């Protein structure tokens, strides 16, 4: 993986970037720089696999609907000054692609917090936008639908998108972030190991 070029492309688009070999290094990095903050977490298997919630809650107020599921918790997270999430895919050319069901995650990455951190495992890096969208729809979304027990065709096999109209459909919006949003600092933290879906 040619991280120097990927990082350069994201930096040209207004993001700051970091690169770590192991998820534990990311936990150390974030726990050192985030102290006494209100932190919202986006729904993320990546963050769960890292144990990042447990690490950061020692010195911060961390709000995550994965721990207490409710619309109220999602609204509380929207008031956080720091937001941490992952992405369904990123491109080598410096774009972020996410699919969301309720919109809480994608809205927070576009507007609200002072700073947004994305933690990206190497499995989520794609060559181009077409491959990123394919990955979101046919890799990440079906596995996530299965994980949350959605009553959708993709959740039954976790194999691909069926472009269904099921009431439980979790892929209701696809958001492409081409550049860091105005008025918000965004940092992409690359981890040279597979993380999440």
Protein backbone atom coordinates (compact mmCIF):
# COMPACT_ATOMS: atom_id res chain seq x y z
CA UNK A 1 0.00 0.00 0.00
CA UNK A 2 1.45 3.35 -1.06
CA UNK A 3 0.42 5.38 1.97
CA UNK A 4 2.60 8.38 1.14
CA UNK A 5 0.61 9.09 -2.04
CA UNK A 6 -2.76 8.43 -0.37
CA UNK A 7 -1.88 10.74 2.52
CA UNK A 8 -0.67 13.42 0.11
CA UNK A 9 -3.97 13.26 -1.79
CA UNK A 10 -6.03 13.62 1.39
CA UNK A 11 -3.82 16.47 2.58
CA UNK A 12 -4.36 18.27 -0.76
CA UNK A 13 -8.08 18.01 0.02
CA UNK A 14 -7.73 19.76 3.37
CA UNK A 15 -7.42 16.77 5.71
CA UNK A 16 -4.60 16.11 8.13
CA UNK A 17 -3.38 12.51 8.21
CA UNK A 18 -1.59 10.08 10.47
CA UNK A 19 -0.33 6.56 9.80
CA UNK A 20 0.06 3.82 12.40
CA UNK A 21 1.00 0.15 12.09
CA UNK A 22 -1.26 -1.15 14.87
CA UNK A 23 -4.63 -0.20 16.35
CA UNK A 24 -3.06 0.02 19.82
CA UNK A 25 -0.88 2.89 18.58
CA UNK A 26 -4.02 4.75 17.51
CA UNK A 27 -5.56 4.28 20.96
CA UNK A 28 -2.40 5.66 22.57
CA UNK A 29 -2.25 8.60 20.15
CA UNK A 30 -5.88 9.62 20.69
CA UNK A 31 -5.83 9.09 24.45
CA UNK A 32 -2.80 11.40 24.69
CA UNK A 33 -4.33 14.26 22.69
CA UNK A 34 -7.96 13.97 23.80
CA UNK A 35 -8.42 14.92 27.45
CA UNK A 36 -11.54 16.29 29.14
CA UNK A 37 -13.47 16.46 25.88
CA UNK A 38 -17.03 15.59 24.93
CA UNK A 39 -16.63 12.96 22.23
CA UNK A 40 -19.32 11.50 20.00
CA UNK A 41 -18.75 8.12 18.35
CA UNK A 42 -20.30 7.07 15.07
CA UNK A 43 -21.61 3.52 14.75
CA UNK A 44 -18.42 1.63 13.92
CA UNK A 45 -17.16 -1.92 14.14
CA UNK A 46 -13.67 -0.49 13.64
CA UNK A 47 -13.87 1.54 16.85
CA UNK A 48 -15.36 -1.43 18.73
CA UNK A 49 -12.55 -3.75 17.57
CA UNK A 50 -10.01 -1.23 18.81
CA UNK A 51 -11.53 -0.87 22.27
CA UNK A 52 -11.30 2.88 21.72
CA UNK A 53 -14.46 3.72 23.69
CA UNK A 54 -13.07 2.09 26.81
CA UNK A 55 -9.72 3.85 26.41
CA UNK A 56 -11.15 7.34 25.84
CA UNK A 57 -13.90 7.21 28.45
CA UNK A 58 -11.24 7.18 31.17
CA UNK A 59 -10.54 10.91 30.64
CA UNK A 60 -13.45 12.12 28.50
CA UNK A 61 -17.23 12.11 28.27
CA UNK A 62 -17.82 9.66 25.40
CA UNK A 63 -21.26 9.27 23.84
CA UNK A 64 -21.86 6.17 21.70
CA UNK A 65 -25.18 4.67 20.69
CA UNK A 66 -23.50 1.24 20.33
CA UNK A 67 -23.32 1.18 24.14
CA UNK A 68 -26.78 2.61 24.85
CA UNK A 69 -28.98 2.40 21.77
CA UNK A 70 -31.51 5.17 21.41
CA UNK A 71 -32.32 8.18 19.30
CA UNK A 72 -31.63 10.36 22.35
CA UNK A 73 -28.03 9.13 22.52
CA UNK A 74 -27.57 9.91 18.82
CA UNK A 75 -28.83 13.45 19.47
CA UNK A 76 -26.48 13.83 22.45
CA UNK A 77 -23.55 12.76 20.28
CA UNK A 78 -24.49 15.47 17.79
CA UNK A 79 -23.57 18.07 20.43
CA UNK A 80 -20.05 16.74 20.95
CA UNK A 81 -17.09 18.96 20.12
CA UNK A 82 -15.09 15.93 18.89
CA UNK A 83 -16.49 13.17 16.65
CA UNK A 84 -14.76 9.87 15.92
CA UNK A 85 -15.91 7.39 13.32
CA UNK A 86 -14.68 5.25 10.46
CA UNK A 87 -15.76 5.11 6.84
CA UNK A 88 -17.18 2.38 4.66
CA UNK A 89 -14.52 3.21 2.07
CA UNK A 90 -11.93 5.79 1.08
CA UNK A 91 -10.22 6.28 -2.26
CA UNK A 92 -6.53 6.50 -3.00
CA UNK A 93 -7.30 9.88 -4.60
CA UNK A 94 -8.60 11.31 -1.31
CA UNK A 95 -12.38 10.84 -1.04
CA UNK A 96 -14.45 9.39 1.81
CA UNK A 97 -17.61 7.35 1.10
CA UNK A 98 -20.19 6.38 3.70
CA UNK A 99 -23.61 4.73 3.59
CA UNK A 100 -25.96 5.49 6.47
CA UNK A 101 -29.43 4.55 7.61
CA UNK A 102 -30.42 7.28 10.07
CA UNK A 103 -27.98 9.96 8.95
CA UNK A 104 -26.44 10.65 12.34
CA UNK A 105 -22.96 9.57 11.30
CA UNK A 106 -22.86 11.26 7.92
CA UNK A 107 -24.36 14.48 9.29
CA UNK A 108 -21.72 14.70 12.03
CA UNK A 109 -18.92 14.26 9.51
CA UNK A 110 -20.29 17.17 7.49
CA UNK A 111 -21.27 19.70 10.17
CA UNK A 112 -21.23 20.15 13.93
CA UNK A 113 -18.10 19.17 15.81
CA UNK A 114 -14.93 21.23 15.97
CA UNK A 115 -12.94 18.21 14.84
CA UNK A 116 -13.73 14.87 13.23
CA UNK A 117 -11.38 11.88 13.29
CA UNK A 118 -11.73 8.98 10.85
CA UNK A 119 -9.96 5.71 11.71
CA UNK A 120 -9.38 3.77 8.50
CA UNK A 121 -8.11 0.19 8.27
CA UNK A 122 -6.24 -0.83 5.13
CA UNK A 123 -9.15 -3.01 3.99
CA UNK A 124 -11.23 0.13 3.37
CA UNK A 125 -8.86 1.77 0.88
CA UNK A 126 -9.99 1.47 -2.74
CA UNK A 127 -8.36 2.60 -5.99
CA UNK A 128 -11.19 4.88 -7.11
CA UNK A 129 -14.67 6.20 -6.38
CA UNK A 130 -16.46 3.47 -8.35
CA UNK A 131 -14.74 0.76 -6.30
CA UNK A 132 -15.42 2.68 -3.08
CA UNK A 133 -19.15 2.82 -3.76
CA UNK A 134 -19.13 -0.87 -4.73
CA UNK A 135 -17.36 -1.71 -1.47
CA UNK A 136 -19.87 0.29 0.56
CA UNK A 137 -22.88 -1.37 -1.04
CA UNK A 138 -21.60 -4.93 -1.46
CA UNK A 139 -19.14 -5.46 1.39
CA UNK A 140 -19.72 -3.07 4.29
CA UNK A 141 -23.51 -2.58 4.19
CA UNK A 142 -24.50 -6.28 3.95
CA UNK A 143 -22.18 -7.24 6.82
CA UNK A 144 -23.46 -4.36 8.91
CA UNK A 145 -27.08 -5.25 8.12
CA UNK A 146 -26.40 -8.80 9.29
CA UNK A 147 -24.65 -7.53 12.43
CA UNK A 148 -27.63 -5.38 13.48
CA UNK A 149 -30.17 -8.07 12.55
CA UNK A 150 -31.84 -6.08 9.78
CA UNK A 151 -34.69 -7.84 8.00
CA UNK A 152 -33.25 -7.35 4.53
CA UNK A 153 -32.13 -9.65 1.70
CA UNK A 154 -28.50 -8.56 2.11
CA UNK A 155 -28.50 -9.41 5.83
CA UNK A 156 -29.54 -13.00 5.20
CA UNK A 157 -26.31 -13.84 3.35
CA UNK A 158 -24.16 -10.72 3.92
CA UNK A 159 -23.08 -11.15 0.32
CA UNK A 160 -24.22 -8.15 -1.74
CA UNK A 161 -26.71 -5.32 -2.12
CA UNK A 162 -30.10 -6.34 -3.49
CA UNK A 163 -31.26 -2.71 -3.81
CA UNK A 164 -34.30 -3.65 -1.76
CA UNK A 165 -37.16 -1.53 -0.51
CA UNK A 166 -37.35 -3.29 2.85
CA UNK A 167 -38.51 -1.17 5.80
CA UNK A 168 -35.36 -2.32 7.63
CA UNK A 169 -33.02 -1.16 4.87
CA UNK A 170 -29.95 0.43 6.47
CA UNK A 171 -28.48 1.96 3.31
CA UNK A 172 -30.66 5.00 2.84
CA UNK A 173 -28.09 7.63 1.94
CA UNK A 174 -24.67 7.56 0.31
CA UNK A 175 -22.41 10.50 1.09
CA UNK A 176 -19.17 11.31 -0.70
CA UNK A 177 -16.85 13.79 1.00
CA UNK A 178 -14.51 15.26 -1.61
CA UNK A 179 -12.85 17.84 0.63
CA UNK A 180 -12.71 18.55 4.35
CA UNK A 181 -15.83 20.57 5.27
CA UNK A 182 -15.35 24.30 5.80
CA UNK A 183 -15.07 25.24 9.46
CA UNK A 184 -14.21 21.75 10.71
CA UNK A 185 -10.84 20.11 11.24
CA UNK A 186 -10.77 16.58 9.84
CA UNK A 187 -8.04 14.04 10.49
CA UNK A 188 -7.69 10.71 8.72
CA UNK A 189 -5.89 8.10 10.82
CA UNK A 190 -4.72 5.23 8.65
CA UNK A 191 -3.97 1.89 10.30
CA UNK A 192 -1.91 -0.64 8.35
CA UNK A 193 -4.12 -3.56 9.31
CA UNK A 194 -7.68 -4.62 8.46
CA UNK A 195 -10.32 -3.12 10.75
CA UNK A 196 -14.11 -3.32 10.65
CA UNK A 197 -16.26 -4.00 7.63
